[in-house]
Amino acid sequence: MDRLQRFSGTGTVRTDGGDRSVDELSEALADPRRRIVVSALLDADSSVPVADIVDRIADEKQRDADRDGSPPDRQRIRTSLVQVHIPKLFRANVASHDDDAGTVVPKPALDDTRALLKPADSSGGSV
């Protein structure tokens, strides 16, 4: 699914889905957890189980932990994804949550995030 992406001087990303504000997409990708959701969707190129994303975040959090031995609270991670992060991605038309299937589903602006996500991948940051 090749889509034309172009940054114009007006601060928008132009795709066949219309104009999307670079600021809007940047804000949607500002949080490390949302970047993990988007990366998972881009890697899968389809819907992804919420449990898989929780696992990714928990693994990342465990690597960043202070080696105190306490495992990440997966239920808290899931709750924050469903109540905070996925709705933010939904408002940016990047992803939505299918509660019945327990998955995160890509939306049209997901492809627009590719160009913005590459620099964020190397920046690190804790989840």
C-alpha atoms as a PDB file:
ATOM      1  CA  MET A   1       0.000   0.000   0.000  1.00  0.00           C
ATOM      2  CA  ASP A   2       2.197   2.781  -1.294  1.00  0.00           C
ATOM      3  CA  ARG A   3       0.929   6.217  -0.398  1.00  0.00           C
ATOM      4  CA  LEU A   4       2.441   9.522  -1.447  1.00  0.00           C
ATOM      5  CA  GLN A   5       3.755  11.342   1.592  1.00  0.00           C
ATOM      6  CA  ARG A   6       4.988  14.872   1.306  1.00  0.00           C
ATOM      7  CA  PHE A   7       5.756  17.515   3.876  1.00  0.00           C
ATOM      8  CA  SER A   8       4.604  20.866   2.623  1.00  0.00           C
ATOM      9  CA  GLY A   9       5.692  24.286   3.800  1.00  0.00           C
ATOM     10  CA  THR A  10       2.387  24.543   5.634  1.00  0.00           C
ATOM     11  CA  GLY A  11       3.239  21.869   8.191  1.00  0.00           C
ATOM     12  CA  THR A  12       1.000  19.159   6.801  1.00  0.00           C
ATOM     13  CA  VAL A  13       1.543  15.664   5.531  1.00  0.00           C
ATOM     14  CA  ARG A  14      -0.248  15.144   2.231  1.00  0.00           C
ATOM     15  CA  THR A  15      -1.447  11.631   1.477  1.00  0.00           C
ATOM     16  CA  ASP A  16      -4.271  10.193  -0.560  1.00  0.00           C
ATOM     17  CA  GLY A  17      -6.252  10.330   2.706  1.00  0.00           C
ATOM     18  CA  GLY A  18      -6.025  14.130   2.858  1.00  0.00           C
ATOM     19  CA  ASP A  19      -3.963  16.619   4.849  1.00  0.00           C
ATOM     20  CA  ARG A  20      -2.802  15.653   8.308  1.00  0.00           C
ATOM     21  CA  SER A  21      -1.133  18.164  10.595  1.00  0.00           C
ATOM     22  CA  VAL A  22       2.493  17.311  11.345  1.00  0.00           C
ATOM     23  CA  ASP A  23       1.889  18.760  14.813  1.00  0.00           C
ATOM     24  CA  GLU A  24      -1.102  16.449  15.320  1.00  0.00           C
ATOM     25  CA  LEU A  25       0.870  13.376  14.325  1.00  0.00           C
ATOM     26  CA  SER A  26       3.920  14.483  16.317  1.00  0.00           C
ATOM     27  CA  GLU A  27       1.757  14.882  19.396  1.00  0.00           C
ATOM     28  CA  ALA A  28       0.256  11.449  18.836  1.00  0.00           C
ATOM     29  CA  LEU A  29       3.789  10.008  18.715  1.00  0.00           C
ATOM     30  CA  ALA A  30       5.156  12.071  21.598  1.00  0.00           C
ATOM     31  CA  ASP A  31       4.722   9.320  24.179  1.00  0.00           C
ATOM     32  CA  PRO A  32       6.990   6.249  24.071  1.00  0.00           C
ATOM     33  CA  ARG A  33       4.025   3.925  24.629  1.00  0.00           C
ATOM     34  CA  ARG A  34       2.202   5.321  21.622  1.00  0.00           C
ATOM     35  CA  ARG A  35       5.355   4.909  19.531  1.00  0.00           C
ATOM     36  CA  ILE A  36       5.451   1.252  20.590  1.00  0.00           C
ATOM     37  CA  VAL A  37       1.805   0.836  19.519  1.00  0.00           C
ATOM     38  CA  VAL A  38       2.527   2.438  16.144  1.00  0.00           C
ATOM     39  CA  SER A  39       5.711   0.387  15.666  1.00  0.00           C
ATOM     40  CA  ALA A  40       3.800  -2.804  16.417  1.00  0.00           C
ATOM     41  CA  LEU A  41       1.158  -1.894  13.845  1.00  0.00           C
ATOM     42  CA  LEU A  42       3.742  -0.964  11.231  1.00  0.00           C
ATOM     43  CA  ASP A  43       5.656  -4.201  11.872  1.00  0.00           C
ATOM     44  CA  ALA A  44       2.505  -6.314  11.593  1.00  0.00           C
ATOM     45  CA  ASP A  45       0.895  -4.363   8.763  1.00  0.00           C
ATOM     46  CA  SER A  46      -2.456  -5.383  10.278  1.00  0.00           C
ATOM     47  CA  SER A  47      -4.235  -5.437  13.627  1.00  0.00           C
ATOM     48  CA  VAL A  48      -2.228  -6.437  16.713  1.00  0.00           C
ATOM     49  CA  PRO A  49      -3.483  -8.021  19.943  1.00  0.00           C
ATOM     50  CA  VAL A  50      -3.411  -5.572  22.861  1.00  0.00           C
ATOM     51  CA  ALA A  51      -1.705  -8.321  24.894  1.00  0.00           C
ATOM     52  CA  ASP A  52       1.243  -8.317  22.463  1.00  0.00           C
ATOM     53  CA  ILE A  53       1.676  -4.572  22.864  1.00  0.00           C
ATOM     54  CA  VAL A  54       1.436  -4.901  26.650  1.00  0.00           C
ATOM     55  CA  ASP A  55       4.221  -7.501  26.440  1.00  0.00           C
ATOM     56  CA  ARG A  56       6.415  -5.145  24.375  1.00  0.00           C
ATOM     57  CA  ILE A  57       5.935  -2.303  26.831  1.00  0.00           C
ATOM     58  CA  ALA A  58       6.480  -4.544  29.869  1.00  0.00           C
ATOM     59  CA  ASP A  59       9.690  -5.925  28.343  1.00  0.00           C
ATOM     60  CA  GLU A  60      10.945  -2.401  27.652  1.00  0.00           C
ATOM     61  CA  LYS A  61       9.987  -1.268  31.137  1.00  0.00           C
ATOM     62  CA  GLN A  62      11.743  -4.264  32.683  1.00  0.00           C
ATOM     63  CA  ARG A  63      14.954  -3.412  30.796  1.00  0.00           C
ATOM     64  CA  ASP A  64      14.773   0.174  32.085  1.00  0.00           C
ATOM     65  CA  ALA A  65      13.863  -0.827  35.654  1.00  0.00           C
ATOM     66  CA  ASP A  66      16.174  -0.238  38.592  1.00  0.00           C
ATOM     67  CA  ARG A  67      16.798  -3.958  38.915  1.00  0.00           C
ATOM     68  CA  ASP A  68      14.635  -4.033  42.043  1.00  0.00           C
ATOM     69  CA  GLY A  69      13.135  -7.294  40.865  1.00  0.00           C
ATOM     70  CA  SER A  70       9.533  -6.090  40.762  1.00  0.00           C
ATOM     71  CA  PRO A  71       7.872  -6.979  37.452  1.00  0.00           C
ATOM     72  CA  PRO A  72       5.956  -4.331  35.510  1.00  0.00           C
ATOM     73  CA  ASP A  73       2.236  -4.169  36.316  1.00  0.00           C
ATOM     74  CA  ARG A  74       0.741  -5.491  33.072  1.00  0.00           C
ATOM     75  CA  GLN A  75      -2.821  -4.598  34.056  1.00  0.00           C
ATOM     76  CA  ARG A  76      -1.799  -0.965  34.589  1.00  0.00           C
ATOM     77  CA  ILE A  77      -0.045  -0.935  31.239  1.00  0.00           C
ATOM     78  CA  ARG A  78      -3.135  -2.381  29.524  1.00  0.00           C
ATOM     79  CA  THR A  79      -5.442   0.111  31.233  1.00  0.00           C
ATOM     80  CA  SER A  80      -3.291   3.075  30.197  1.00  0.00           C
ATOM     81  CA  LEU A  81      -3.194   1.797  26.618  1.00  0.00           C
ATOM     82  CA  VAL A  82      -6.952   1.353  26.360  1.00  0.00           C
ATOM     83  CA  GLN A  83      -7.974   4.479  28.263  1.00  0.00           C
ATOM     84  CA  VAL A  84      -5.256   6.984  27.317  1.00  0.00           C
ATOM     85  CA  HIS A  85      -2.898   6.067  24.513  1.00  0.00           C
ATOM     86  CA  ILE A  86      -5.091   4.300  21.953  1.00  0.00           C
ATOM     87  CA  PRO A  87      -7.808   7.005  22.206  1.00  0.00           C
ATOM     88  CA  LYS A  88      -5.115   9.619  21.479  1.00  0.00           C
ATOM     89  CA  LEU A  89      -4.045   7.620  18.419  1.00  0.00           C
ATOM     90  CA  PHE A  90      -7.717   7.288  17.447  1.00  0.00           C
ATOM     91  CA  ARG A  91      -8.183  11.072  17.510  1.00  0.00           C
ATOM     92  CA  ALA A  92      -5.167  11.390  15.198  1.00  0.00           C
ATOM     93  CA  ASN A  93      -6.723   8.736  12.898  1.00  0.00           C
ATOM     94  CA  VAL A  94      -3.709   6.437  13.447  1.00  0.00           C
ATOM     95  CA  ALA A  95      -5.232   3.477  15.328  1.00  0.00           C
ATOM     96  CA  SER A  96      -8.354   2.288  17.079  1.00  0.00           C
ATOM     97  CA  HIS A  97      -9.224  -0.375  19.638  1.00  0.00           C
ATOM     98  CA  ASP A  98     -11.470  -3.315  18.822  1.00  0.00           C
ATOM     99  CA  ASP A  99     -12.592  -4.261  22.323  1.00  0.00           C
ATOM    100  CA  ASP A 100     -14.439  -7.406  21.183  1.00  0.00           C
ATOM    101  CA  ALA A 101     -11.375  -8.817  19.405  1.00  0.00           C
ATOM    102  CA  GLY A 102      -8.885  -7.402  21.923  1.00  0.00           C
ATOM    103  CA  THR A 103      -6.833  -5.806  19.162  1.00  0.00           C
ATOM    104  CA  VAL A 104      -5.447  -2.478  18.056  1.00  0.00           C
ATOM    105  CA  VAL A 105      -6.487  -1.761  14.479  1.00  0.00           C
ATOM    106  CA  PRO A 106      -4.609   0.464  12.017  1.00  0.00           C
ATOM    107  CA  LYS A 107      -6.365   3.540  10.637  1.00  0.00           C
ATOM    108  CA  PRO A 108      -5.576   5.586   7.499  1.00  0.00           C
ATOM    109  CA  ALA A 109      -3.040   7.982   9.060  1.00  0.00           C
ATOM    110  CA  LEU A 110      -0.830   5.114  10.278  1.00  0.00           C
ATOM    111  CA  ASP A 111       1.235   5.307   7.085  1.00  0.00           C
ATOM    112  CA  ASP A 112       1.748   9.029   7.692  1.00  0.00           C
ATOM    113  CA  THR A 113       3.622   8.206  10.904  1.00  0.00           C
ATOM    114  CA  ARG A 114       6.464   6.353   9.150  1.00  0.00           C
ATOM    115  CA  ALA A 115       8.438   9.485   8.307  1.00  0.00           C
ATOM    116  CA  LEU A 116       7.926  10.941  11.780  1.00  0.00           C
ATOM    117  CA  LEU A 117       8.670   7.739  13.668  1.00  0.00           C
ATOM    118  CA  LYS A 118      12.125   7.045  12.230  1.00  0.00           C
ATOM    119  CA  PRO A 119      13.870   9.871  14.139  1.00  0.00           C
ATOM    120  CA  ALA A 120      11.947   8.930  17.301  1.00  0.00           C
ATOM    121  CA  ASP A 121      13.176   5.325  17.121  1.00  0.00           C
ATOM    122  CA  SER A 122      16.756   6.369  17.777  1.00  0.00           C
ATOM    123  CA  SER A 123      15.925   8.856  20.511  1.00  0.00           C
ATOM    124  CA  GLY A 124      15.190   6.221  23.175  1.00  0.00           C
ATOM    125  CA  GLY A 125      13.175   7.263  26.175  1.00  0.00           C
ATOM    126  CA  SER A 126      11.572   5.268  28.908  1.00  0.00           C
ATOM    127  CA  VAL A 127       8.099   3.816  28.768  1.00  0.00           C
END
